[in-house]
């Protein structure tokens, strides 16, 4: 039965392969997006921008909250 189903699904192999590649790309993008060291680097850069006067306090708070939310999401993923 396995061989017959594989033969019948053979025409769909390029589509299945494309979906697999897309899933790998999404997984890697999420890994990088939620990487704690990358988030900490962004927080440090954000702090530097505030100190240099490139952004105001409101912008700093908004972006800091986004980064901390990403960090919390990653920690929740690791736990669950």
PDB file of N, CA and C in Angstrom:
ATOM      1  N   UNK A   1       0.818  -1.187   0.000  1.00  0.00           N
ATOM      2  CA  UNK A   1       0.000   0.000   0.000  1.00  0.00           C
ATOM      3  C   UNK A   1       0.867   1.259   0.000  1.00  0.00           C
ATOM      4  N   UNK A   2       2.006   1.245   0.681  1.00  0.00           N
ATOM      5  CA  UNK A   2       2.869   2.407   0.742  1.00  0.00           C
ATOM      6  C   UNK A   2       3.432   2.779  -0.623  1.00  0.00           C
ATOM      7  N   UNK A   3       3.821   1.794  -1.397  1.00  0.00           N
ATOM      8  CA  UNK A   3       4.385   2.056  -2.718  1.00  0.00           C
ATOM      9  C   UNK A   3       3.334   2.633  -3.652  1.00  0.00           C
ATOM     10  N   UNK A   4       2.127   2.103  -3.599  1.00  0.00           N
ATOM     11  CA  UNK A   4       1.042   2.598  -4.463  1.00  0.00           C
ATOM     12  C   UNK A   4       0.700   4.038  -4.103  1.00  0.00           C
ATOM     13  N   UNK A   5       0.596   4.317  -2.828  1.00  0.00           N
ATOM     14  CA  UNK A   5       0.262   5.692  -2.441  1.00  0.00           C
ATOM     15  C   UNK A   5       1.380   6.650  -2.833  1.00  0.00           C
ATOM     16  N   UNK A   6       2.633   6.219  -2.721  1.00  0.00           N
ATOM     17  CA  UNK A   6       3.748   7.068  -3.137  1.00  0.00           C
ATOM     18  C   UNK A   6       3.702   7.328  -4.638  1.00  0.00           C
ATOM     19  N   UNK A   7       3.367   6.315  -5.412  1.00  0.00           N
ATOM     20  CA  UNK A   7       3.264   6.494  -6.860  1.00  0.00           C
ATOM     21  C   UNK A   7       2.122   7.442  -7.218  1.00  0.00           C
ATOM     22  N   UNK A   8       1.015   7.303  -6.518  1.00  0.00           N
ATOM     23  CA  UNK A   8      -0.127   8.180  -6.789  1.00  0.00           C
ATOM     24  C   UNK A   8       0.155   9.623  -6.368  1.00  0.00           C
ATOM     25  N   UNK A   9       0.933   9.804  -5.327  1.00  0.00           N
ATOM     26  CA  UNK A   9       1.248  11.145  -4.845  1.00  0.00           C
ATOM     27  C   UNK A   9       2.479  11.750  -5.506  1.00  0.00           C
ATOM     28  N   UNK A  10       3.145  10.998  -6.374  1.00  0.00           N
ATOM     29  CA  UNK A  10       4.355  11.475  -7.032  1.00  0.00           C
ATOM     30  C   UNK A  10       4.162  12.795  -7.782  1.00  0.00           C
ATOM     31  N   UNK A  11       3.061  12.982  -8.508  1.00  0.00           N
ATOM     32  CA  UNK A  11       2.889  14.281  -9.180  1.00  0.00           C
ATOM     33  C   UNK A  11       2.828  15.465  -8.211  1.00  0.00           C
ATOM     34  N   UNK A  12       2.467  15.235  -6.964  1.00  0.00           N
ATOM     35  CA  UNK A  12       2.387  16.313  -5.976  1.00  0.00           C
ATOM     36  C   UNK A  12       3.721  16.543  -5.264  1.00  0.00           C
ATOM     37  N   UNK A  13       4.744  15.784  -5.599  1.00  0.00           N
ATOM     38  CA  UNK A  13       6.030  15.893  -4.913  1.00  0.00           C
ATOM     39  C   UNK A  13       6.618  17.304  -4.989  1.00  0.00           C
ATOM     40  N   UNK A  14       6.591  17.970  -6.141  1.00  0.00           N
ATOM     41  CA  UNK A  14       7.139  19.340  -6.158  1.00  0.00           C
ATOM     42  C   UNK A  14       6.393  20.286  -5.217  1.00  0.00           C
ATOM     43  N   UNK A  15       5.104  20.125  -5.111  1.00  0.00           N
ATOM     44  CA  UNK A  15       4.309  20.972  -4.219  1.00  0.00           C
ATOM     45  C   UNK A  15       4.659  20.664  -2.766  1.00  0.00           C
ATOM     46  N   UNK A  16       4.756  19.383  -2.446  1.00  0.00           N
ATOM     47  CA  UNK A  16       5.124  19.004  -1.082  1.00  0.00           C
ATOM     48  C   UNK A  16       6.519  19.503  -0.748  1.00  0.00           C
ATOM     49  N   UNK A  17       7.434  19.416  -1.701  1.00  0.00           N
ATOM     50  CA  UNK A  17       8.791  19.909  -1.489  1.00  0.00           C
ATOM     51  C   UNK A  17       8.822  21.412  -1.283  1.00  0.00           C
ATOM     52  N   UNK A  18       8.005  22.123  -2.041  1.00  0.00           N
ATOM     53  CA  UNK A  18       7.925  23.581  -1.896  1.00  0.00           C
ATOM     54  C   UNK A  18       7.403  23.946  -0.523  1.00  0.00           C
ATOM     55  N   UNK A  19       6.366  23.265  -0.073  1.00  0.00           N
ATOM     56  CA  UNK A  19       5.828  23.539   1.264  1.00  0.00           C
ATOM     57  C   UNK A  19       6.851  23.226   2.350  1.00  0.00           C
ATOM     58  N   UNK A  20       7.628  22.179   2.164  1.00  0.00           N
ATOM     59  CA  UNK A  20       8.654  21.834   3.143  1.00  0.00           C
ATOM     60  C   UNK A  20       9.707  22.938   3.216  1.00  0.00           C
ATOM     61  N   UNK A  21      10.143  23.419   2.057  1.00  0.00           N
ATOM     62  CA  UNK A  21      11.145  24.491   2.018  1.00  0.00           C
ATOM     63  C   UNK A  21      10.590  25.743   2.673  1.00  0.00           C
ATOM     64  N   UNK A  22       9.360  26.109   2.346  1.00  0.00           N
ATOM     65  CA  UNK A  22       8.737  27.285   2.950  1.00  0.00           C
ATOM     66  C   UNK A  22       8.655  27.149   4.469  1.00  0.00           C
ATOM     67  N   UNK A  23       8.323  25.961   4.944  1.00  0.00           N
ATOM     68  CA  UNK A  23       8.249  25.745   6.387  1.00  0.00           C
ATOM     69  C   UNK A  23       9.613  25.904   7.039  1.00  0.00           C
ATOM     70  N   UNK A  24      10.665  25.441   6.363  1.00  0.00           N
ATOM     71  CA  UNK A  24      12.013  25.600   6.900  1.00  0.00           C
ATOM     72  C   UNK A  24      12.395  27.072   6.979  1.00  0.00           C
ATOM     73  N   UNK A  25      12.020  27.842   5.963  1.00  0.00           N
ATOM     74  CA  UNK A  25      12.313  29.281   5.952  1.00  0.00           C
ATOM     75  C   UNK A  25      11.572  29.984   7.081  1.00  0.00           C
ATOM     76  N   UNK A  26      10.306  29.650   7.267  1.00  0.00           N
ATOM     77  CA  UNK A  26       9.509  30.253   8.339  1.00  0.00           C
ATOM     78  C   UNK A  26      10.094  29.882   9.702  1.00  0.00           C
ATOM     79  N   UNK A  27      10.461  28.634   9.885  1.00  0.00           N
ATOM     80  CA  UNK A  27      11.039  28.198  11.158  1.00  0.00           C
ATOM     81  C   UNK A  27      12.327  28.959  11.476  1.00  0.00           C
ATOM     82  N   UNK A  28      13.179  29.145  10.469  1.00  0.00           N
ATOM     83  CA  UNK A  28      14.440  29.861  10.685  1.00  0.00           C
ATOM     84  C   UNK A  28      14.186  31.344  10.972  1.00  0.00           C
ATOM     85  N   UNK A  29      13.248  31.928  10.254  1.00  0.00           N
ATOM     86  CA  UNK A  29      12.918  33.338  10.487  1.00  0.00           C
ATOM     87  C   UNK A  29      12.386  33.537  11.908  1.00  0.00           C
ATOM     88  N   UNK A  30      11.536  32.630  12.370  1.00  0.00           N
ATOM     89  CA  UNK A  30      11.020  32.721  13.739  1.00  0.00           C
ATOM     90  C   UNK A  30      12.135  32.519  14.757  1.00  0.00           C
ATOM     91  N   UNK A  31      13.037  31.610  14.475  1.00  0.00           N
ATOM     92  CA  UNK A  31      14.154  31.370  15.399  1.00  0.00           C
ATOM     93  C   UNK A  31      14.990  32.631  15.551  1.00  0.00           C
ATOM     94  N   UNK A  32      15.277  33.279  14.444  1.00  0.00           N
ATOM     95  CA  UNK A  32      16.065  34.510  14.498  1.00  0.00           C
ATOM     96  C   UNK A  32      15.280  35.638  15.150  1.00  0.00           C
ATOM     97  N   UNK A  33      13.994  35.738  14.847  1.00  0.00           N
ATOM     98  CA  UNK A  33      13.159  36.817  15.381  1.00  0.00           C
ATOM     99  C   UNK A  33      13.054  36.733  16.900  1.00  0.00           C
ATOM    100  N   UNK A  34      12.959  35.520  17.428  1.00  0.00           N
ATOM    101  CA  UNK A  34      12.781  35.319  18.865  1.00  0.00           C
ATOM    102  C   UNK A  34      14.084  34.983  19.591  1.00  0.00           C
ATOM    103  N   UNK A  35      15.217  35.079  18.927  1.00  0.00           N
ATOM    104  CA  UNK A  35      16.508  34.770  19.532  1.00  0.00           C
ATOM    105  C   UNK A  35      16.803  35.764  20.660  1.00  0.00           C
ATOM    106  N   UNK A  36      16.948  35.275  21.899  1.00  0.00           N
ATOM    107  CA  UNK A  36      17.171  36.183  23.036  1.00  0.00           C
ATOM    108  C   UNK A  36      18.390  37.089  22.870  1.00  0.00           C
ATOM    109  N   UNK A  37      19.476  36.589  22.315  1.00  0.00           N
ATOM    110  CA  UNK A  37      20.664  37.432  22.152  1.00  0.00           C
ATOM    111  C   UNK A  37      20.416  38.548  21.137  1.00  0.00           C
ATOM    112  N   UNK A  38      19.656  38.256  20.092  1.00  0.00           N
ATOM    113  CA  UNK A  38      19.322  39.285  19.111  1.00  0.00           C
ATOM    114  C   UNK A  38      18.416  40.343  19.738  1.00  0.00           C
ATOM    115  N   UNK A  39      17.483  39.909  20.561  1.00  0.00           N
ATOM    116  CA  UNK A  39      16.584  40.847  21.230  1.00  0.00           C
ATOM    117  C   UNK A  39      17.368  41.724  22.194  1.00  0.00           C
ATOM    118  N   UNK A  40      18.292  41.140  22.935  1.00  0.00           N
ATOM    119  CA  UNK A  40      19.110  41.928  23.862  1.00  0.00           C
ATOM    120  C   UNK A  40      19.979  42.932  23.118  1.00  0.00           C
ATOM    121  N   UNK A  41      20.491  42.552  21.962  1.00  0.00           N
ATOM    122  CA  UNK A  41      21.275  43.482  21.152  1.00  0.00           C
ATOM    123  C   UNK A  41      20.408  44.641  20.668  1.00  0.00           C
ATOM    124  N   UNK A  42      19.180  44.325  20.271  1.00  0.00           N
ATOM    125  CA  UNK A  42      18.273  45.372  19.833  1.00  0.00           C
ATOM    126  C   UNK A  42      17.911  46.302  20.987  1.00  0.00           C
ATOM    127  N   UNK A  43      17.749  45.738  22.182  1.00  0.00           N
ATOM    128  CA  UNK A  43      17.475  46.579  23.352  1.00  0.00           C
ATOM    129  C   UNK A  43      18.639  47.516  23.644  1.00  0.00           C
ATOM    130  N   UNK A  44      19.855  47.018  23.532  1.00  0.00           N
ATOM    131  CA  UNK A  44      21.033  47.855  23.766  1.00  0.00           C
ATOM    132  C   UNK A  44      21.125  48.957  22.720  1.00  0.00           C
ATOM    133  N   UNK A  45      20.873  48.608  21.460  1.00  0.00           N
ATOM    134  CA  UNK A  45      20.908  49.603  20.385  1.00  0.00           C
ATOM    135  C   UNK A  45      19.820  50.652  20.594  1.00  0.00           C
ATOM    136  N   UNK A  46      18.656  50.203  21.041  1.00  0.00           N
ATOM    137  CA  UNK A  46      17.550  51.116  21.326  1.00  0.00           C
ATOM    138  C   UNK A  46      17.928  52.090  22.436  1.00  0.00           C
ATOM    139  N   UNK A  47      18.568  51.593  23.465  1.00  0.00           N
ATOM    140  CA  UNK A  47      19.023  52.442  24.564  1.00  0.00           C
ATOM    141  C   UNK A  47      20.046  53.467  24.080  1.00  0.00           C
ATOM    142  N   UNK A  48      20.944  53.027  23.202  1.00  0.00           N
ATOM    143  CA  UNK A  48      21.933  53.938  22.626  1.00  0.00           C
ATOM    144  C   UNK A  48      21.251  55.042  21.806  1.00  0.00           C
ATOM    145  N   UNK A  49      20.212  54.674  21.070  1.00  0.00           N
ATOM    146  CA  UNK A  49      19.486  55.661  20.278  1.00  0.00           C
ATOM    147  C   UNK A  49      18.807  56.695  21.175  1.00  0.00           C
ATOM    148  N   UNK A  50      18.268  56.232  22.296  1.00  0.00           N
ATOM    149  CA  UNK A  50      17.645  57.155  23.239  1.00  0.00           C
ATOM    150  C   UNK A  50      18.695  58.097  23.827  1.00  0.00           C
ATOM    151  N   UNK A  51      19.820  57.539  24.226  1.00  0.00           N
ATOM    152  CA  UNK A  51      20.897  58.352  24.798  1.00  0.00           C
ATOM    153  C   UNK A  51      21.438  59.377  23.808  1.00  0.00           C
ATOM    154  N   UNK A  52      21.462  59.013  22.529  1.00  0.00           N
ATOM    155  CA  UNK A  52      21.982  59.907  21.495  1.00  0.00           C
ATOM    156  C   UNK A  52      20.941  60.934  21.046  1.00  0.00           C
ATOM    157  N   UNK A  53      19.716  60.794  21.548  1.00  0.00           N
ATOM    158  CA  UNK A  53      18.671  61.729  21.162  1.00  0.00           C
ATOM    159  C   UNK A  53      18.044  61.434  19.811  1.00  0.00           C
ATOM    160  N   UNK A  54      18.298  60.239  19.269  1.00  0.00           N
ATOM    161  CA  UNK A  54      17.753  59.871  17.968  1.00  0.00           C
ATOM    162  C   UNK A  54      16.275  59.527  18.045  1.00  0.00           C
ATOM    163  N   UNK A  55      15.840  59.069  19.221  1.00  0.00           N
ATOM    164  CA  UNK A  55      14.422  58.764  19.446  1.00  0.00           C
ATOM    165  C   UNK A  55      14.004  59.389  20.770  1.00  0.00           C
ATOM    166  N   UNK A  56      12.706  59.620  20.916  1.00  0.00           N
ATOM    167  CA  UNK A  56      12.225  60.196  22.171  1.00  0.00           C
ATOM    168  C   UNK A  56      11.799  59.080  23.127  1.00  0.00           C
ATOM    169  N   UNK A  57      11.428  59.469  24.325  1.00  0.00           N
ATOM    170  CA  UNK A  57      11.060  58.509  25.375  1.00  0.00           C
ATOM    171  C   UNK A  57       9.861  57.648  24.979  1.00  0.00           C
ATOM    172  N   UNK A  58       8.869  58.265  24.327  1.00  0.00           N
ATOM    173  CA  UNK A  58       7.666  57.522  23.920  1.00  0.00           C
ATOM    174  C   UNK A  58       8.012  56.438  22.901  1.00  0.00           C
ATOM    175  N   UNK A  59       8.854  56.782  21.926  1.00  0.00           N
ATOM    176  CA  UNK A  59       9.277  55.800  20.928  1.00  0.00           C
ATOM    177  C   UNK A  59      10.092  54.696  21.587  1.00  0.00           C
ATOM    178  N   UNK A  60      10.958  55.071  22.498  1.00  0.00           N
ATOM    179  CA  UNK A  60      11.752  54.081  23.231  1.00  0.00           C
ATOM    180  C   UNK A  60      10.843  53.110  23.976  1.00  0.00           C
ATOM    181  N   UNK A  61       9.864  53.644  24.706  1.00  0.00           N
ATOM    182  CA  UNK A  61       8.952  52.790  25.476  1.00  0.00           C
ATOM    183  C   UNK A  61       8.163  51.849  24.581  1.00  0.00           C
ATOM    184  N   UNK A  62       7.669  52.362  23.453  1.00  0.00           N
ATOM    185  CA  UNK A  62       6.884  51.530  22.533  1.00  0.00           C
ATOM    186  C   UNK A  62       7.727  50.387  21.976  1.00  0.00           C
ATOM    187  N   UNK A  63       8.923  50.710  21.502  1.00  0.00           N
ATOM    188  CA  UNK A  63       9.786  49.687  20.908  1.00  0.00           C
ATOM    189  C   UNK A  63      10.336  48.724  21.959  1.00  0.00           C
ATOM    190  N   UNK A  64      10.609  49.238  23.150  1.00  0.00           N
ATOM    191  CA  UNK A  64      11.081  48.376  24.232  1.00  0.00           C
ATOM    192  C   UNK A  64      10.000  47.360  24.600  1.00  0.00           C
ATOM    193  N   UNK A  65       8.747  47.814  24.668  1.00  0.00           N
ATOM    194  CA  UNK A  65       7.642  46.899  24.975  1.00  0.00           C
ATOM    195  C   UNK A  65       7.533  45.798  23.923  1.00  0.00           C
ATOM    196  N   UNK A  66       7.696  46.157  22.647  1.00  0.00           N
ATOM    197  CA  UNK A  66       7.638  45.153  21.584  1.00  0.00           C
ATOM    198  C   UNK A  66       8.744  44.110  21.747  1.00  0.00           C
ATOM    199  N   UNK A  67       9.945  44.589  22.050  1.00  0.00           N
ATOM    200  CA  UNK A  67      11.072  43.669  22.215  1.00  0.00           C
ATOM    201  C   UNK A  67      10.890  42.769  23.429  1.00  0.00           C
ATOM    202  N   UNK A  68      10.394  43.329  24.517  1.00  0.00           N
ATOM    203  CA  UNK A  68      10.162  42.525  25.715  1.00  0.00           C
ATOM    204  C   UNK A  68       9.038  41.515  25.496  1.00  0.00           C
ATOM    205  N   UNK A  69       8.040  41.883  24.693  1.00  0.00           N
ATOM    206  CA  UNK A  69       6.980  40.932  24.345  1.00  0.00           C
ATOM    207  C   UNK A  69       7.543  39.758  23.551  1.00  0.00           C
ATOM    208  N   UNK A  70       8.461  40.053  22.615  1.00  0.00           N
ATOM    209  CA  UNK A  70       9.107  38.983  21.844  1.00  0.00           C
ATOM    210  C   UNK A  70       9.891  38.064  22.767  1.00  0.00           C
ATOM    211  N   UNK A  71      10.600  38.646  23.715  1.00  0.00           N
ATOM    212  CA  UNK A  71      11.389  37.850  24.650  1.00  0.00           C
ATOM    213  C   UNK A  71      10.484  36.970  25.502  1.00  0.00           C
ATOM    214  N   UNK A  72       9.387  37.525  25.960  1.00  0.00           N
ATOM    215  CA  UNK A  72       8.437  36.757  26.768  1.00  0.00           C
ATOM    216  C   UNK A  72       7.797  35.640  25.947  1.00  0.00           C
ATOM    217  N   UNK A  73       7.477  35.914  24.693  1.00  0.00           N
ATOM    218  CA  UNK A  73       6.905  34.893  23.819  1.00  0.00           C
ATOM    219  C   UNK A  73       7.874  33.728  23.654  1.00  0.00           C
ATOM    220  N   UNK A  74       9.133  34.031  23.473  1.00  0.00           N
ATOM    221  CA  UNK A  74      10.152  32.973  23.333  1.00  0.00           C
ATOM    222  C   UNK A  74      10.253  32.140  24.597  1.00  0.00           C
ATOM    223  N   UNK A  75      10.242  32.802  25.741  1.00  0.00           N
ATOM    224  CA  UNK A  75      10.328  32.063  26.999  1.00  0.00           C
ATOM    225  C   UNK A  75       9.109  31.169  27.185  1.00  0.00           C
ATOM    226  N   UNK A  76       7.933  31.642  26.788  1.00  0.00           N
ATOM    227  CA  UNK A  76       6.718  30.838  26.881  1.00  0.00           C
ATOM    228  C   UNK A  76       6.778  29.643  25.941  1.00  0.00           C
ATOM    229  N   UNK A  77       7.362  29.824  24.760  1.00  0.00           N
ATOM    230  CA  UNK A  77       7.500  28.723  23.815  1.00  0.00           C
ATOM    231  C   UNK A  77       8.415  27.648  24.357  1.00  0.00           C
ATOM    232  N   UNK A  78       9.489  28.065  25.020  1.00  0.00           N
ATOM    233  CA  UNK A  78      10.435  27.104  25.578  1.00  0.00           C
ATOM    234  C   UNK A  78       9.815  26.297  26.721  1.00  0.00           C
ATOM    235  N   UNK A  79       8.922  26.930  27.465  1.00  0.00           N
ATOM    236  CA  UNK A  79       8.295  26.262  28.608  1.00  0.00           C
ATOM    237  C   UNK A  79       7.158  25.336  28.163  1.00  0.00           C
ATOM    238  N   UNK A  80       6.455  25.722  27.110  1.00  0.00           N
ATOM    239  CA  UNK A  80       5.269  24.974  26.729  1.00  0.00           C
ATOM    240  C   UNK A  80       5.479  24.171  25.540  1.00  0.00           C
TER     241      UNK A  80
END
